[in-house]
């Protein structure tokens, strides 16, 4: 499955149009999206690729790669950005989860890309980490205008075929 997080509606500003796709919007605001994409572009980014895999009852991100025009990996270990993460707390009175957004002034860029991937996976509604699990990638492609942001996800299923033979 591929979840495109962009739109081609020429009547809308591309950034605003993307934000209107609320089902899979992983950015709290249009400004948060602009800040991240501008920062990545200033680093000379051509593509971002976050790879993940899950199965059994767990899943994790394996790699976070930011690549330049020559497909050389850009080191983002020391890059800080104003980021965010979702916080969830169980409300015993409502017997439900309360979600809130927490902004972090000096978040590592890699941590923000990881959070975005987990948010996109959560909003996809796909169970990529239980049973046979799944795998895929979260990508940002700066060769497109506006940058193309996608979640590609494969879900694994085991199929059993039984045969009986009289011998």
Foldseek 3Di string as FASTA:
>chain_A
DKDWQWDDPPVDDGLVRSVVVVLQDLAPDSVSVVQLVVVLVVLQFQKWKWKKAAEAADIDIDDTFTAHPVRDTRDQQPPWAWAKAKDWDQDPVVRGIDIDIDIDGTDRSSVRVRRSLVSSVVSVVDQQHYHGHKIWIWMWGVVDVVTITMTDIDHDDDDDDDDDDDD
